[in-house]
Amino acid sequence: MMERRQLDQIIFIFIIFSFVRVAHADNYTIRGMNLPAMNFNSSEIFTCDAGITRCTGNMNRQITKTTIDKDSTWNLTDVNNPNSIILQMSQGQSIIGTRNWTVPTKQPAQGPQQETKILLNFHNCSSDQFPCEDGSCVDILARCNYTAECGDRSDEDSCARLSLSDGYLTTAPNSINHSTPIDLSVTTTFDTMISLDYAAKKLGLRLTLTISWRDPGLSFNNLQTVSRANTLQPTEWNEIWHPELVFNNTQNRDSTSSMSSANSLVVVERISTTPEADDPTTLIKNAIYKGIDNIIVQENIR
């Protein structure tokens, strides 16, 4: 009888425990910290309490919240020097998401105090997620896919596809060492015969010319699996090197540069399945793909 009671107690305790959710602190990071003078490590992880009133970093920084007359202020300080404020934020009732922080400066001998403002995103998104401005998290692969995933649509902002490396050349191929030739693939598809003049020995054709290559001097942002979603705009096309083919046996010695932009399409074919790590000192996160691993495709209809 005693053993049955003990067993019932154990089962009861187990059932109660199984429904209890153990509280745990969330880990947060800061994006956009690009002030070198602050000597801030963007990889610092902050562990916050449930109300996000106090967050402790793993590199001796801390964030504390003070409230006076319902006005809240968050201060980022050094654990060893909590009275010296590094950053301060008093915008709204939460520090989660993109907020305007202030870098306090010492009172000058003359004139008003000068302050520096900086936009930062305080979030707890994982490495494969995009931190929205409102603090929510969405899949990074959904960034710039022409469909808003964030409630504030911030995942569809700043969607330029191209990033050029330092010293990028528009007048020559950007091979890895600027001397190694790059591989070009050229495909011609004959669509329609327009005219045939036996006497003049002339043949009129409508054709599609497709040129593809890889550019190590580029990186691409937020590429989609469907290539047409990665279309380069004319302004972007003019920023990069691209090959020019000249057709000596045509009536006007046509070239790819003389073809109308209305009849041309330039896309990036995503080959990489996993994006590279981006720079956390930039405010807005992007999924980055190397130019050497993905293919530029220029399609001309003539």
C-alpha atoms as a PDB file:
ATOM      1  CA  MET A   1       0.000   0.000   0.000  1.00  0.00           C
ATOM      2  CA  MET A   2       2.836   2.353   0.916  1.00  0.00           C
ATOM      3  CA  GLU A   3       4.638   1.616  -2.367  1.00  0.00           C
ATOM      4  CA  ARG A   4       1.464   2.412  -4.390  1.00  0.00           C
ATOM      5  CA  ARG A   5       1.089   5.788  -2.628  1.00  0.00           C
ATOM      6  CA  GLN A   6       4.715   6.677  -3.310  1.00  0.00           C
ATOM      7  CA  LEU A   7       4.299   5.685  -6.963  1.00  0.00           C
ATOM      8  CA  ASP A   8       1.150   7.847  -7.262  1.00  0.00           C
ATOM      9  CA  GLN A   9       3.032  10.804  -5.761  1.00  0.00           C
ATOM     10  CA  ILE A  10       5.894  10.366  -8.204  1.00  0.00           C
ATOM     11  CA  ILE A  11       3.502  10.202 -11.165  1.00  0.00           C
ATOM     12  CA  PHE A  12       1.646  13.296  -9.909  1.00  0.00           C
ATOM     13  CA  ILE A  13       4.874  15.266  -9.470  1.00  0.00           C
ATOM     14  CA  PHE A  14       6.043  14.235 -12.963  1.00  0.00           C
ATOM     15  CA  ILE A  15       2.752  15.354 -14.547  1.00  0.00           C
ATOM     16  CA  ILE A  16       2.926  18.746 -12.805  1.00  0.00           C
ATOM     17  CA  PHE A  17       6.558  19.215 -13.834  1.00  0.00           C
ATOM     18  CA  SER A  18       5.843  18.279 -17.454  1.00  0.00           C
ATOM     19  CA  PHE A  19       3.453  21.228 -17.804  1.00  0.00           C
ATOM     20  CA  VAL A  20       5.856  23.737 -16.256  1.00  0.00           C
ATOM     21  CA  ARG A  21       7.781  25.709 -18.866  1.00  0.00           C
ATOM     22  CA  VAL A  22      11.164  26.588 -17.493  1.00  0.00           C
ATOM     23  CA  ALA A  23      11.821  30.300 -18.060  1.00  0.00           C
ATOM     24  CA  HIS A  24      15.012  31.097 -19.890  1.00  0.00           C
ATOM     25  CA  ALA A  25      16.715  34.332 -20.857  1.00  0.00           C
ATOM     26  CA  ASP A  26      16.885  35.343 -24.511  1.00  0.00           C
ATOM     27  CA  ASN A  27      20.162  36.167 -26.260  1.00  0.00           C
ATOM     28  CA  TYR A  28      20.349  39.425 -28.213  1.00  0.00           C
ATOM     29  CA  THR A  29      22.891  41.089 -30.483  1.00  0.00           C
ATOM     30  CA  ILE A  30      23.310  44.603 -31.886  1.00  0.00           C
ATOM     31  CA  ARG A  31      23.543  45.367 -35.622  1.00  0.00           C
ATOM     32  CA  GLY A  32      24.888  48.597 -37.080  1.00  0.00           C
ATOM     33  CA  MET A  33      27.593  49.418 -34.536  1.00  0.00           C
ATOM     34  CA  ASN A  34      30.062  51.033 -36.950  1.00  0.00           C
ATOM     35  CA  LEU A  35      31.775  53.604 -34.740  1.00  0.00           C
ATOM     36  CA  PRO A  36      35.430  52.462 -34.452  1.00  0.00           C
ATOM     37  CA  ALA A  37      36.120  54.863 -31.581  1.00  0.00           C
ATOM     38  CA  MET A  38      33.719  52.913 -29.365  1.00  0.00           C
ATOM     39  CA  ASN A  39      35.797  49.721 -29.646  1.00  0.00           C
ATOM     40  CA  PHE A  40      32.612  47.640 -29.676  1.00  0.00           C
ATOM     41  CA  ASN A  41      32.663  44.003 -30.749  1.00  0.00           C
ATOM     42  CA  SER A  42      29.615  43.324 -32.925  1.00  0.00           C
ATOM     43  CA  SER A  43      29.692  39.644 -32.017  1.00  0.00           C
ATOM     44  CA  GLU A  44      28.922  40.406 -28.359  1.00  0.00           C
ATOM     45  CA  ILE A  45      25.889  38.481 -27.115  1.00  0.00           C
ATOM     46  CA  PHE A  46      23.595  39.989 -24.503  1.00  0.00           C
ATOM     47  CA  THR A  47      21.553  37.842 -22.126  1.00  0.00           C
ATOM     48  CA  CYS A  48      18.432  39.705 -21.024  1.00  0.00           C
ATOM     49  CA  ASP A  49      15.861  39.149 -18.316  1.00  0.00           C
ATOM     50  CA  ALA A  50      12.206  38.531 -19.183  1.00  0.00           C
ATOM     51  CA  GLY A  51      11.265  42.217 -19.087  1.00  0.00           C
ATOM     52  CA  ILE A  52      14.429  43.294 -20.934  1.00  0.00           C
ATOM     53  CA  THR A  53      15.254  45.695 -18.110  1.00  0.00           C
ATOM     54  CA  ARG A  54      18.794  44.405 -17.762  1.00  0.00           C
ATOM     55  CA  CYS A  55      21.023  42.726 -20.349  1.00  0.00           C
ATOM     56  CA  THR A  56      24.519  41.458 -19.672  1.00  0.00           C
ATOM     57  CA  GLY A  57      27.001  40.990 -22.506  1.00  0.00           C
ATOM     58  CA  ASN A  58      29.646  38.296 -22.702  1.00  0.00           C
ATOM     59  CA  MET A  59      32.325  40.949 -23.333  1.00  0.00           C
ATOM     60  CA  ASN A  60      31.843  43.136 -20.253  1.00  0.00           C
ATOM     61  CA  ARG A  61      29.092  45.396 -21.609  1.00  0.00           C
ATOM     62  CA  GLN A  62      25.657  45.774 -20.051  1.00  0.00           C
ATOM     63  CA  ILE A  63      22.353  47.464 -20.853  1.00  0.00           C
ATOM     64  CA  THR A  64      20.178  48.726 -18.006  1.00  0.00           C
ATOM     65  CA  LYS A  65      16.752  50.331 -18.037  1.00  0.00           C
ATOM     66  CA  THR A  66      15.645  53.201 -15.806  1.00  0.00           C
ATOM     67  CA  THR A  67      12.107  54.614 -15.665  1.00  0.00           C
ATOM     68  CA  ILE A  68      11.204  58.055 -14.342  1.00  0.00           C
ATOM     69  CA  ASP A  69       7.585  59.274 -14.555  1.00  0.00           C
ATOM     70  CA  LYS A  70       6.787  56.538 -17.091  1.00  0.00           C
ATOM     71  CA  ASP A  71       9.665  57.664 -19.355  1.00  0.00           C
ATOM     72  CA  SER A  72      12.115  54.827 -19.934  1.00  0.00           C
ATOM     73  CA  THR A  73      15.793  55.130 -20.801  1.00  0.00           C
ATOM     74  CA  TRP A  74      18.249  52.368 -21.666  1.00  0.00           C
ATOM     75  CA  ASN A  75      21.969  52.868 -21.036  1.00  0.00           C
ATOM     76  CA  LEU A  76      24.775  50.798 -22.536  1.00  0.00           C
ATOM     77  CA  THR A  77      27.751  50.855 -20.197  1.00  0.00           C
ATOM     78  CA  ASP A  78      30.885  48.939 -19.335  1.00  0.00           C
ATOM     79  CA  VAL A  79      30.394  46.454 -16.496  1.00  0.00           C
ATOM     80  CA  ASN A  80      33.528  47.777 -14.818  1.00  0.00           C
ATOM     81  CA  ASN A  81      32.491  51.422 -15.238  1.00  0.00           C
ATOM     82  CA  PRO A  82      28.674  51.578 -15.063  1.00  0.00           C
ATOM     83  CA  ASN A  83      28.572  55.351 -14.513  1.00  0.00           C
ATOM     84  CA  SER A  84      30.158  56.087 -17.904  1.00  0.00           C
ATOM     85  CA  ILE A  85      27.418  55.855 -20.537  1.00  0.00           C
ATOM     86  CA  ILE A  86      28.540  54.558 -23.946  1.00  0.00           C
ATOM     87  CA  LEU A  87      25.116  54.650 -25.622  1.00  0.00           C
ATOM     88  CA  GLN A  88      21.693  55.807 -24.566  1.00  0.00           C
ATOM     89  CA  MET A  89      18.189  55.247 -25.963  1.00  0.00           C
ATOM     90  CA  SER A  90      14.946  56.843 -24.797  1.00  0.00           C
ATOM     91  CA  GLN A  91      12.779  56.331 -27.904  1.00  0.00           C
ATOM     92  CA  GLY A  92       9.545  54.444 -27.150  1.00  0.00           C
ATOM     93  CA  GLN A  93       8.938  51.725 -24.611  1.00  0.00           C
ATOM     94  CA  SER A  94      11.252  49.039 -25.973  1.00  0.00           C
ATOM     95  CA  ILE A  95      14.790  48.712 -27.290  1.00  0.00           C
ATOM     96  CA  ILE A  96      13.842  45.770 -29.543  1.00  0.00           C
ATOM     97  CA  GLY A  97      14.205  46.493 -33.263  1.00  0.00           C
ATOM     98  CA  THR A  98      15.733  49.495 -35.005  1.00  0.00           C
ATOM     99  CA  ARG A  99      16.044  52.505 -32.719  1.00  0.00           C
ATOM    100  CA  ASN A 100      17.892  55.809 -32.701  1.00  0.00           C
ATOM    101  CA  TRP A 101      20.603  55.646 -30.046  1.00  0.00           C
ATOM    102  CA  THR A 102      22.627  58.572 -28.754  1.00  0.00           C
ATOM    103  CA  VAL A 103      26.370  58.646 -28.167  1.00  0.00           C
ATOM    104  CA  PRO A 104      26.811  61.120 -25.296  1.00  0.00           C
ATOM    105  CA  THR A 105      29.828  63.407 -25.381  1.00  0.00           C
ATOM    106  CA  LYS A 106      31.413  65.478 -22.673  1.00  0.00           C
ATOM    107  CA  GLN A 107      30.214  69.039 -22.147  1.00  0.00           C
ATOM    108  CA  PRO A 108      32.540  71.348 -24.135  1.00  0.00           C
ATOM    109  CA  ALA A 109      34.046  74.388 -22.517  1.00  0.00           C
ATOM    110  CA  GLN A 110      31.773  76.645 -24.565  1.00  0.00           C
ATOM    111  CA  GLY A 111      28.527  76.071 -26.401  1.00  0.00           C
ATOM    112  CA  PRO A 112      25.869  73.333 -26.135  1.00  0.00           C
ATOM    113  CA  GLN A 113      26.652  69.665 -25.735  1.00  0.00           C
ATOM    114  CA  GLN A 114      27.201  67.820 -29.026  1.00  0.00           C
ATOM    115  CA  GLU A 115      25.640  64.396 -29.495  1.00  0.00           C
ATOM    116  CA  THR A 116      26.026  61.727 -32.152  1.00  0.00           C
ATOM    117  CA  LYS A 117      22.999  59.718 -33.288  1.00  0.00           C
ATOM    118  CA  ILE A 118      23.275  56.187 -34.605  1.00  0.00           C
ATOM    119  CA  LEU A 119      20.623  53.727 -35.796  1.00  0.00           C
ATOM    120  CA  LEU A 120      21.027  50.280 -34.243  1.00  0.00           C
ATOM    121  CA  ASN A 121      18.992  47.091 -34.408  1.00  0.00           C
ATOM    122  CA  PHE A 122      18.753  45.161 -31.139  1.00  0.00           C
ATOM    123  CA  HIS A 123      17.388  41.693 -31.891  1.00  0.00           C
ATOM    124  CA  ASN A 124      17.399  38.017 -30.961  1.00  0.00           C
ATOM    125  CA  CYS A 125      17.149  36.587 -34.483  1.00  0.00           C
ATOM    126  CA  SER A 126      19.214  33.547 -35.443  1.00  0.00           C
ATOM    127  CA  SER A 127      21.994  33.622 -38.035  1.00  0.00           C
ATOM    128  CA  ASP A 128      19.654  32.394 -40.778  1.00  0.00           C
ATOM    129  CA  GLN A 129      17.025  35.049 -40.078  1.00  0.00           C
ATOM    130  CA  PHE A 130      16.550  38.704 -41.040  1.00  0.00           C
ATOM    131  CA  PRO A 131      15.918  41.138 -38.152  1.00  0.00           C
ATOM    132  CA  CYS A 132      12.997  43.386 -39.130  1.00  0.00           C
ATOM    133  CA  GLU A 133      12.890  46.996 -38.013  1.00  0.00           C
ATOM    134  CA  ASP A 134      10.031  46.171 -35.653  1.00  0.00           C
ATOM    135  CA  GLY A 135      12.120  43.498 -33.920  1.00  0.00           C
ATOM    136  CA  SER A 136      10.504  40.422 -35.459  1.00  0.00           C
ATOM    137  CA  CYS A 137      12.509  37.801 -37.364  1.00  0.00           C
ATOM    138  CA  VAL A 138      11.925  36.263 -40.803  1.00  0.00           C
ATOM    139  CA  ASP A 139      13.834  33.787 -42.972  1.00  0.00           C
ATOM    140  CA  ILE A 140      16.868  35.520 -44.522  1.00  0.00           C
ATOM    141  CA  LEU A 141      16.192  33.695 -47.814  1.00  0.00           C
ATOM    142  CA  ALA A 142      12.887  35.583 -48.043  1.00  0.00           C
ATOM    143  CA  ARG A 143      14.699  38.923 -48.076  1.00  0.00           C
ATOM    144  CA  CYS A 144      13.986  41.018 -51.201  1.00  0.00           C
ATOM    145  CA  ASN A 145      11.732  38.391 -52.770  1.00  0.00           C
ATOM    146  CA  TYR A 146       9.081  40.966 -53.787  1.00  0.00           C
ATOM    147  CA  THR A 147       6.787  39.790 -50.983  1.00  0.00           C
ATOM    148  CA  ALA A 148       6.829  41.510 -47.601  1.00  0.00           C
ATOM    149  CA  GLU A 149       7.411  39.066 -44.755  1.00  0.00           C
ATOM    150  CA  CYS A 150       8.045  41.640 -42.014  1.00  0.00           C
ATOM    151  CA  GLY A 151       4.987  43.397 -40.674  1.00  0.00           C
ATOM    152  CA  ASP A 152       6.663  46.739 -41.429  1.00  0.00           C
ATOM    153  CA  ARG A 153       7.851  45.564 -44.906  1.00  0.00           C
ATOM    154  CA  SER A 154      11.464  46.310 -43.940  1.00  0.00           C
ATOM    155  CA  ASP A 155      12.640  43.040 -45.541  1.00  0.00           C
ATOM    156  CA  GLU A 156      11.815  44.624 -48.920  1.00  0.00           C
ATOM    157  CA  ASP A 157      13.868  47.796 -48.329  1.00  0.00           C
ATOM    158  CA  SER A 158      17.389  48.448 -49.671  1.00  0.00           C
ATOM    159  CA  CYS A 159      17.274  45.625 -52.209  1.00  0.00           C
ATOM    160  CA  ALA A 160      20.200  46.484 -54.485  1.00  0.00           C
ATOM    161  CA  ARG A 161      21.573  43.233 -55.929  1.00  0.00           C
ATOM    162  CA  LEU A 162      25.178  44.303 -56.552  1.00  0.00           C
ATOM    163  CA  SER A 163      28.186  44.937 -54.356  1.00  0.00           C
ATOM    164  CA  LEU A 164      31.490  45.846 -56.051  1.00  0.00           C
ATOM    165  CA  SER A 165      34.847  44.999 -54.527  1.00  0.00           C
ATOM    166  CA  ASP A 166      37.471  47.680 -53.902  1.00  0.00           C
ATOM    167  CA  GLY A 167      39.326  48.516 -57.095  1.00  0.00           C
ATOM    168  CA  TYR A 168      36.666  46.943 -59.284  1.00  0.00           C
ATOM    169  CA  LEU A 169      37.312  47.398 -63.029  1.00  0.00           C
ATOM    170  CA  THR A 170      34.636  48.127 -65.612  1.00  0.00           C
ATOM    171  CA  THR A 171      37.127  48.161 -68.487  1.00  0.00           C
ATOM    172  CA  ALA A 172      38.610  44.676 -68.076  1.00  0.00           C
ATOM    173  CA  PRO A 173      37.586  41.290 -66.700  1.00  0.00           C
ATOM    174  CA  ASN A 174      37.902  41.076 -62.932  1.00  0.00           C
ATOM    175  CA  SER A 175      39.624  37.716 -62.672  1.00  0.00           C
ATOM    176  CA  ILE A 176      41.045  36.638 -59.336  1.00  0.00           C
ATOM    177  CA  ASN A 177      44.497  38.102 -60.071  1.00  0.00           C
ATOM    178  CA  HIS A 178      43.478  40.431 -62.953  1.00  0.00           C
ATOM    179  CA  SER A 179      45.512  38.336 -65.398  1.00  0.00           C
ATOM    180  CA  THR A 180      43.782  34.963 -65.539  1.00  0.00           C
ATOM    181  CA  PRO A 181      41.222  34.754 -68.360  1.00  0.00           C
ATOM    182  CA  ILE A 182      37.623  34.200 -67.377  1.00  0.00           C
ATOM    183  CA  ASP A 183      35.384  31.604 -68.977  1.00  0.00           C
ATOM    184  CA  LEU A 184      32.594  32.811 -71.256  1.00  0.00           C
ATOM    185  CA  SER A 185      29.741  30.691 -72.466  1.00  0.00           C
ATOM    186  CA  VAL A 186      28.032  31.855 -75.676  1.00  0.00           C
ATOM    187  CA  THR A 187      24.894  30.193 -77.027  1.00  0.00           C
ATOM    188  CA  THR A 188      23.019  31.209 -80.163  1.00  0.00           C
ATOM    189  CA  THR A 189      19.463  30.062 -80.798  1.00  0.00           C
ATOM    190  CA  PHE A 190      17.926  30.726 -84.227  1.00  0.00           C
ATOM    191  CA  ASP A 191      14.265  31.526 -83.673  1.00  0.00           C
ATOM    192  CA  THR A 192      12.827  32.652 -87.006  1.00  0.00           C
ATOM    193  CA  MET A 193      13.991  33.215 -90.563  1.00  0.00           C
ATOM    194  CA  ILE A 194      12.806  36.706 -91.533  1.00  0.00           C
ATOM    195  CA  SER A 195      14.089  37.001 -95.104  1.00  0.00           C
ATOM    196  CA  LEU A 196      16.136  35.180 -97.730  1.00  0.00           C
ATOM    197  CA  ASP A 197      17.695  36.941-100.731  1.00  0.00           C
ATOM    198  CA  TYR A 198      19.522  34.480-103.014  1.00  0.00           C
ATOM    199  CA  ALA A 199      20.761  37.153-105.401  1.00  0.00           C
ATOM    200  CA  ALA A 200      22.253  39.334-102.698  1.00  0.00           C
ATOM    201  CA  LYS A 201      23.310  36.319-100.645  1.00  0.00           C
ATOM    202  CA  LYS A 202      21.606  37.732 -97.566  1.00  0.00           C
ATOM    203  CA  LEU A 203      19.770  35.894 -94.851  1.00  0.00           C
ATOM    204  CA  GLY A 204      17.648  37.638 -92.229  1.00  0.00           C
ATOM    205  CA  LEU A 205      17.267  35.819 -88.928  1.00  0.00           C
ATOM    206  CA  ARG A 206      15.747  36.485 -85.542  1.00  0.00           C
ATOM    207  CA  LEU A 207      17.971  34.931 -82.939  1.00  0.00           C
ATOM    208  CA  THR A 208      18.562  34.802 -79.233  1.00  0.00           C
ATOM    209  CA  LEU A 209      22.131  35.278 -78.051  1.00  0.00           C
ATOM    210  CA  THR A 210      22.925  34.161 -74.499  1.00  0.00           C
ATOM    211  CA  ILE A 211      26.247  35.011 -72.814  1.00  0.00           C
ATOM    212  CA  SER A 212      27.131  33.838 -69.314  1.00  0.00           C
ATOM    213  CA  TRP A 213      30.165  34.267 -67.058  1.00  0.00           C
ATOM    214  CA  ARG A 214      31.284  34.568 -63.446  1.00  0.00           C
ATOM    215  CA  ASP A 215      32.754  37.763 -61.975  1.00  0.00           C
ATOM    216  CA  PRO A 216      35.011  37.322 -58.892  1.00  0.00           C
ATOM    217  CA  GLY A 217      34.993  41.101 -58.354  1.00  0.00           C
ATOM    218  CA  LEU A 218      31.303  41.111 -57.494  1.00  0.00           C
ATOM    219  CA  SER A 219      29.075  39.857 -54.750  1.00  0.00           C
ATOM    220  CA  PHE A 220      25.313  39.627 -54.962  1.00  0.00           C
ATOM    221  CA  ASN A 221      22.713  40.381 -52.330  1.00  0.00           C
ATOM    222  CA  ASN A 222      19.638  38.309 -51.572  1.00  0.00           C
ATOM    223  CA  LEU A 223      19.569  36.162 -54.709  1.00  0.00           C
ATOM    224  CA  GLN A 224      16.387  34.193 -55.335  1.00  0.00           C
ATOM    225  CA  THR A 225      16.152  30.670 -56.737  1.00  0.00           C
ATOM    226  CA  VAL A 226      14.206  31.929 -59.775  1.00  0.00           C
ATOM    227  CA  SER A 227      16.734  33.753 -61.972  1.00  0.00           C
ATOM    228  CA  ARG A 228      14.254  36.287 -63.365  1.00  0.00           C
ATOM    229  CA  ALA A 229      13.769  37.567 -59.826  1.00  0.00           C
ATOM    230  CA  ASN A 230      17.487  38.510 -59.903  1.00  0.00           C
ATOM    231  CA  THR A 231      17.234  40.864 -62.878  1.00  0.00           C
ATOM    232  CA  LEU A 232      19.895  43.589 -62.987  1.00  0.00           C
ATOM    233  CA  GLN A 233      18.595  47.068 -63.714  1.00  0.00           C
ATOM    234  CA  PRO A 234      20.276  49.203 -66.458  1.00  0.00           C
ATOM    235  CA  THR A 235      22.018  51.328 -63.801  1.00  0.00           C
ATOM    236  CA  GLU A 236      23.481  48.179 -62.225  1.00  0.00           C
ATOM    237  CA  TRP A 237      24.445  46.788 -65.640  1.00  0.00           C
ATOM    238  CA  ASN A 238      26.425  49.960 -66.371  1.00  0.00           C
ATOM    239  CA  GLU A 239      28.401  49.545 -63.134  1.00  0.00           C
ATOM    240  CA  ILE A 240      29.966  46.203 -64.019  1.00  0.00           C
ATOM    241  CA  TRP A 241      32.292  44.794 -66.673  1.00  0.00           C
ATOM    242  CA  HIS A 242      30.577  42.804 -69.388  1.00  0.00           C
ATOM    243  CA  PRO A 243      31.908  41.251 -72.595  1.00  0.00           C
ATOM    244  CA  GLU A 244      31.249  42.773 -75.996  1.00  0.00           C
ATOM    245  CA  LEU A 245      30.804  40.507 -78.999  1.00  0.00           C
ATOM    246  CA  VAL A 246      31.136  41.916 -82.520  1.00  0.00           C
ATOM    247  CA  PHE A 247      29.542  40.154 -85.508  1.00  0.00           C
ATOM    248  CA  ASN A 248      31.687  41.005 -88.518  1.00  0.00           C
ATOM    249  CA  ASN A 249      29.482  39.157 -91.004  1.00  0.00           C
ATOM    250  CA  THR A 250      26.333  41.186 -90.267  1.00  0.00           C
ATOM    251  CA  GLN A 251      25.150  44.080 -92.419  1.00  0.00           C
ATOM    252  CA  ASN A 252      25.921  46.776 -89.851  1.00  0.00           C
ATOM    253  CA  ARG A 253      28.701  44.914 -88.029  1.00  0.00           C
ATOM    254  CA  ASP A 254      26.433  44.602 -85.023  1.00  0.00           C
ATOM    255  CA  SER A 255      27.706  44.093 -81.495  1.00  0.00           C
ATOM    256  CA  THR A 256      26.145  43.209 -78.171  1.00  0.00           C
ATOM    257  CA  SER A 257      26.614  46.792 -76.964  1.00  0.00           C
ATOM    258  CA  SER A 258      24.521  48.115 -79.873  1.00  0.00           C
ATOM    259  CA  MET A 259      21.576  45.900 -79.051  1.00  0.00           C
ATOM    260  CA  SER A 260      18.588  47.683 -77.581  1.00  0.00           C
ATOM    261  CA  SER A 261      18.158  47.365 -73.816  1.00  0.00           C
ATOM    262  CA  ALA A 262      14.469  46.737 -74.512  1.00  0.00           C
ATOM    263  CA  ASN A 263      15.507  43.468 -76.165  1.00  0.00           C
ATOM    264  CA  SER A 264      18.041  42.477 -73.504  1.00  0.00           C
ATOM    265  CA  LEU A 265      17.690  40.794 -70.151  1.00  0.00           C
ATOM    266  CA  VAL A 266      20.472  40.402 -67.589  1.00  0.00           C
ATOM    267  CA  VAL A 267      19.909  38.111 -64.621  1.00  0.00           C
ATOM    268  CA  VAL A 268      21.997  36.343 -62.009  1.00  0.00           C
ATOM    269  CA  GLU A 269      21.606  32.600 -61.732  1.00  0.00           C
ATOM    270  CA  ARG A 270      22.045  31.521 -58.138  1.00  0.00           C
ATOM    271  CA  ILE A 271      24.229  28.431 -57.886  1.00  0.00           C
ATOM    272  CA  SER A 272      25.191  28.723 -54.224  1.00  0.00           C
ATOM    273  CA  THR A 273      22.762  27.183 -51.775  1.00  0.00           C
ATOM    274  CA  THR A 274      24.126  28.860 -48.644  1.00  0.00           C
ATOM    275  CA  PRO A 275      24.859  32.608 -48.368  1.00  0.00           C
ATOM    276  CA  GLU A 276      28.075  33.995 -46.918  1.00  0.00           C
ATOM    277  CA  ALA A 277      28.203  35.670 -43.509  1.00  0.00           C
ATOM    278  CA  ASP A 278      27.540  39.398 -43.794  1.00  0.00           C
ATOM    279  CA  ASP A 279      29.063  42.339 -41.911  1.00  0.00           C
ATOM    280  CA  PRO A 280      27.195  42.875 -38.608  1.00  0.00           C
ATOM    281  CA  THR A 281      28.395  46.493 -38.416  1.00  0.00           C
ATOM    282  CA  THR A 282      25.932  47.296 -41.226  1.00  0.00           C
ATOM    283  CA  LEU A 283      22.426  48.077 -40.029  1.00  0.00           C
ATOM    284  CA  ILE A 284      20.519  46.057 -42.642  1.00  0.00           C
ATOM    285  CA  LYS A 285      21.312  42.373 -43.015  1.00  0.00           C
ATOM    286  CA  ASN A 286      21.712  40.774 -46.449  1.00  0.00           C
ATOM    287  CA  ALA A 287      22.177  37.245 -47.737  1.00  0.00           C
ATOM    288  CA  ILE A 288      25.477  37.570 -49.633  1.00  0.00           C
ATOM    289  CA  TYR A 289      26.588  35.362 -52.515  1.00  0.00           C
ATOM    290  CA  LYS A 290      30.056  35.463 -54.104  1.00  0.00           C
ATOM    291  CA  GLY A 291      30.378  36.421 -57.750  1.00  0.00           C
ATOM    292  CA  ILE A 292      32.806  33.581 -58.414  1.00  0.00           C
ATOM    293  CA  ASP A 293      30.149  31.046 -57.370  1.00  0.00           C
ATOM    294  CA  ASN A 294      27.147  32.438 -59.259  1.00  0.00           C
ATOM    295  CA  ILE A 295      26.542  33.181 -62.931  1.00  0.00           C
ATOM    296  CA  ILE A 296      25.634  36.372 -64.769  1.00  0.00           C
ATOM    297  CA  VAL A 297      23.446  35.625 -67.786  1.00  0.00           C
ATOM    298  CA  GLN A 298      22.892  38.179 -70.561  1.00  0.00           C
ATOM    299  CA  GLU A 299      20.154  37.302 -73.021  1.00  0.00           C
ATOM    300  CA  ASN A 300      19.841  39.363 -76.228  1.00  0.00           C
ATOM    301  CA  ILE A 301      17.080  38.993 -78.779  1.00  0.00           C
ATOM    302  CA  ARG A 302      18.104  40.217 -82.213  1.00  0.00           C
END
